[in-house]
């Protein structure tokens, strides 16, 4: 009985270590953000390479805020879940359906 209990305890200890172990695999360029959304590297690269005029806007541009319909957004080629614009000289990535700001690139 004691050997069985020791074997069961050893097995539980071995398995609990696996439960606490976490592996992170980064397949794209890491993006440092103040939000919890991590963009695919190619989305960030695409947005940073585009040349679009900056729009002057008096409202607050922050993650979670919604851009008004007067602010033109552009789709990200190959990634229909993302759109972007440049507001007050800051590149902003938005959800194209809701126009909610996903990330402000610095």
C-alpha atoms as a PDB file:
ATOM      1  CA  UNK A   1       0.000   0.000   0.000  1.00  0.00           C
ATOM      2  CA  UNK A   2       2.792   2.397   0.868  1.00  0.00           C
ATOM      3  CA  UNK A   3       4.563   1.745  -2.471  1.00  0.00           C
ATOM      4  CA  UNK A   4       1.323   2.440  -4.336  1.00  0.00           C
ATOM      5  CA  UNK A   5       0.841   5.679  -2.448  1.00  0.00           C
ATOM      6  CA  UNK A   6       4.425   6.745  -3.149  1.00  0.00           C
ATOM      7  CA  UNK A   7       4.077   5.868  -6.836  1.00  0.00           C
ATOM      8  CA  UNK A   8       0.807   7.822  -7.087  1.00  0.00           C
ATOM      9  CA  UNK A   9       2.364  10.814  -5.297  1.00  0.00           C
ATOM     10  CA  UNK A  10       5.391  10.746  -7.595  1.00  0.00           C
ATOM     11  CA  UNK A  11       3.127  10.618 -10.661  1.00  0.00           C
ATOM     12  CA  UNK A  12       1.070  13.578  -9.428  1.00  0.00           C
ATOM     13  CA  UNK A  13       4.167  15.613  -8.695  1.00  0.00           C
ATOM     14  CA  UNK A  14       5.566  14.859 -12.152  1.00  0.00           C
ATOM     15  CA  UNK A  15       2.320  15.807 -13.855  1.00  0.00           C
ATOM     16  CA  UNK A  16       1.800  18.973 -11.830  1.00  0.00           C
ATOM     17  CA  UNK A  17       5.086  20.354 -13.128  1.00  0.00           C
ATOM     18  CA  UNK A  18       3.798  20.002 -16.682  1.00  0.00           C
ATOM     19  CA  UNK A  19       0.648  21.862 -15.741  1.00  0.00           C
ATOM     20  CA  UNK A  20       2.676  24.830 -14.526  1.00  0.00           C
ATOM     21  CA  UNK A  21       5.037  24.840 -17.490  1.00  0.00           C
ATOM     22  CA  UNK A  22       4.058  27.221 -20.249  1.00  0.00           C
ATOM     23  CA  UNK A  23       5.562  27.554 -23.648  1.00  0.00           C
ATOM     24  CA  UNK A  24       5.408  30.712 -25.703  1.00  0.00           C
ATOM     25  CA  UNK A  25       6.134  30.549 -29.405  1.00  0.00           C
ATOM     26  CA  UNK A  26       6.458  33.812 -31.298  1.00  0.00           C
ATOM     27  CA  UNK A  27       6.064  33.238 -34.999  1.00  0.00           C
ATOM     28  CA  UNK A  28       6.046  36.910 -36.023  1.00  0.00           C
ATOM     29  CA  UNK A  29       7.804  40.069 -34.935  1.00  0.00           C
ATOM     30  CA  UNK A  30       6.912  40.769 -31.306  1.00  0.00           C
ATOM     31  CA  UNK A  31       4.819  43.885 -30.810  1.00  0.00           C
ATOM     32  CA  UNK A  32       5.100  45.860 -27.599  1.00  0.00           C
ATOM     33  CA  UNK A  33       1.699  47.252 -26.743  1.00  0.00           C
ATOM     34  CA  UNK A  34      -0.236  48.691 -23.879  1.00  0.00           C
ATOM     35  CA  UNK A  35      -3.210  46.581 -24.916  1.00  0.00           C
ATOM     36  CA  UNK A  36      -3.769  42.859 -24.728  1.00  0.00           C
ATOM     37  CA  UNK A  37      -4.023  42.474 -28.506  1.00  0.00           C
ATOM     38  CA  UNK A  38      -0.903  41.221 -30.223  1.00  0.00           C
ATOM     39  CA  UNK A  39      -1.080  41.864 -33.935  1.00  0.00           C
ATOM     40  CA  UNK A  40       0.367  39.567 -36.554  1.00  0.00           C
ATOM     41  CA  UNK A  41       3.754  40.992 -37.498  1.00  0.00           C
ATOM     42  CA  UNK A  42       2.789  41.405 -41.135  1.00  0.00           C
ATOM     43  CA  UNK A  43      -0.205  43.611 -40.158  1.00  0.00           C
ATOM     44  CA  UNK A  44       2.016  45.969 -38.191  1.00  0.00           C
ATOM     45  CA  UNK A  45       4.614  46.028 -40.964  1.00  0.00           C
ATOM     46  CA  UNK A  46       1.985  46.721 -43.624  1.00  0.00           C
ATOM     47  CA  UNK A  47       0.455  49.595 -41.646  1.00  0.00           C
ATOM     48  CA  UNK A  48       3.847  51.148 -40.881  1.00  0.00           C
ATOM     49  CA  UNK A  49       4.831  51.051 -44.575  1.00  0.00           C
ATOM     50  CA  UNK A  50       1.694  52.731 -45.937  1.00  0.00           C
ATOM     51  CA  UNK A  51       1.731  56.381 -46.884  1.00  0.00           C
ATOM     52  CA  UNK A  52      -1.630  57.957 -46.063  1.00  0.00           C
ATOM     53  CA  UNK A  53      -2.307  61.513 -44.928  1.00  0.00           C
ATOM     54  CA  UNK A  54      -2.841  62.187 -41.262  1.00  0.00           C
ATOM     55  CA  UNK A  55      -6.302  63.281 -40.195  1.00  0.00           C
ATOM     56  CA  UNK A  56      -6.674  65.994 -37.549  1.00  0.00           C
ATOM     57  CA  UNK A  57      -9.024  64.819 -34.825  1.00  0.00           C
ATOM     58  CA  UNK A  58      -9.895  66.528 -31.545  1.00  0.00           C
ATOM     59  CA  UNK A  59     -11.230  63.456 -29.765  1.00  0.00           C
ATOM     60  CA  UNK A  60      -9.263  60.955 -27.727  1.00  0.00           C
ATOM     61  CA  UNK A  61      -7.599  58.150 -29.633  1.00  0.00           C
ATOM     62  CA  UNK A  62      -7.153  55.228 -27.251  1.00  0.00           C
ATOM     63  CA  UNK A  63      -7.582  51.467 -27.334  1.00  0.00           C
ATOM     64  CA  UNK A  64     -11.294  50.722 -27.103  1.00  0.00           C
ATOM     65  CA  UNK A  65     -12.491  54.107 -28.353  1.00  0.00           C
ATOM     66  CA  UNK A  66     -14.553  54.218 -31.536  1.00  0.00           C
ATOM     67  CA  UNK A  67     -13.614  56.364 -34.493  1.00  0.00           C
ATOM     68  CA  UNK A  68     -16.428  58.428 -36.033  1.00  0.00           C
ATOM     69  CA  UNK A  69     -17.609  57.732 -39.585  1.00  0.00           C
ATOM     70  CA  UNK A  70     -15.882  60.931 -40.726  1.00  0.00           C
ATOM     71  CA  UNK A  71     -12.473  59.285 -40.190  1.00  0.00           C
ATOM     72  CA  UNK A  72     -11.529  57.275 -43.281  1.00  0.00           C
ATOM     73  CA  UNK A  73     -10.099  53.824 -42.538  1.00  0.00           C
ATOM     74  CA  UNK A  74      -8.193  51.613 -44.969  1.00  0.00           C
ATOM     75  CA  UNK A  75      -8.251  47.823 -45.041  1.00  0.00           C
ATOM     76  CA  UNK A  76      -5.096  45.826 -44.419  1.00  0.00           C
ATOM     77  CA  UNK A  77      -4.312  43.802 -47.511  1.00  0.00           C
ATOM     78  CA  UNK A  78      -4.674  40.085 -46.789  1.00  0.00           C
ATOM     79  CA  UNK A  79      -6.109  40.657 -43.282  1.00  0.00           C
ATOM     80  CA  UNK A  80      -9.791  41.567 -43.445  1.00  0.00           C
ATOM     81  CA  UNK A  81     -10.028  41.658 -39.621  1.00  0.00           C
ATOM     82  CA  UNK A  82      -7.864  44.787 -39.482  1.00  0.00           C
ATOM     83  CA  UNK A  83      -8.073  48.316 -40.858  1.00  0.00           C
ATOM     84  CA  UNK A  84      -5.917  51.366 -40.191  1.00  0.00           C
ATOM     85  CA  UNK A  85      -5.727  55.105 -40.424  1.00  0.00           C
ATOM     86  CA  UNK A  86      -3.399  57.888 -39.352  1.00  0.00           C
ATOM     87  CA  UNK A  87      -4.865  60.302 -36.818  1.00  0.00           C
ATOM     88  CA  UNK A  88      -2.889  63.245 -35.406  1.00  0.00           C
ATOM     89  CA  UNK A  89       0.276  61.706 -36.901  1.00  0.00           C
ATOM     90  CA  UNK A  90      -0.293  58.408 -35.040  1.00  0.00           C
ATOM     91  CA  UNK A  91      -0.998  55.152 -36.857  1.00  0.00           C
ATOM     92  CA  UNK A  92      -4.125  53.512 -35.508  1.00  0.00           C
ATOM     93  CA  UNK A  93      -5.316  49.960 -36.130  1.00  0.00           C
ATOM     94  CA  UNK A  94      -9.058  49.446 -35.893  1.00  0.00           C
ATOM     95  CA  UNK A  95     -11.693  46.767 -36.243  1.00  0.00           C
ATOM     96  CA  UNK A  96     -13.198  47.537 -39.657  1.00  0.00           C
ATOM     97  CA  UNK A  97     -16.705  46.401 -38.639  1.00  0.00           C
ATOM     98  CA  UNK A  98     -16.990  48.352 -35.372  1.00  0.00           C
ATOM     99  CA  UNK A  99     -14.341  51.052 -35.988  1.00  0.00           C
ATOM    100  CA  UNK A 100     -13.082  50.385 -32.447  1.00  0.00           C
ATOM    101  CA  UNK A 101      -9.397  51.161 -31.910  1.00  0.00           C
ATOM    102  CA  UNK A 102      -7.441  47.939 -31.444  1.00  0.00           C
ATOM    103  CA  UNK A 103      -3.981  49.441 -31.147  1.00  0.00           C
ATOM    104  CA  UNK A 104      -2.147  52.747 -31.464  1.00  0.00           C
ATOM    105  CA  UNK A 105       1.290  52.253 -32.984  1.00  0.00           C
ATOM    106  CA  UNK A 106       4.127  54.445 -31.776  1.00  0.00           C
END
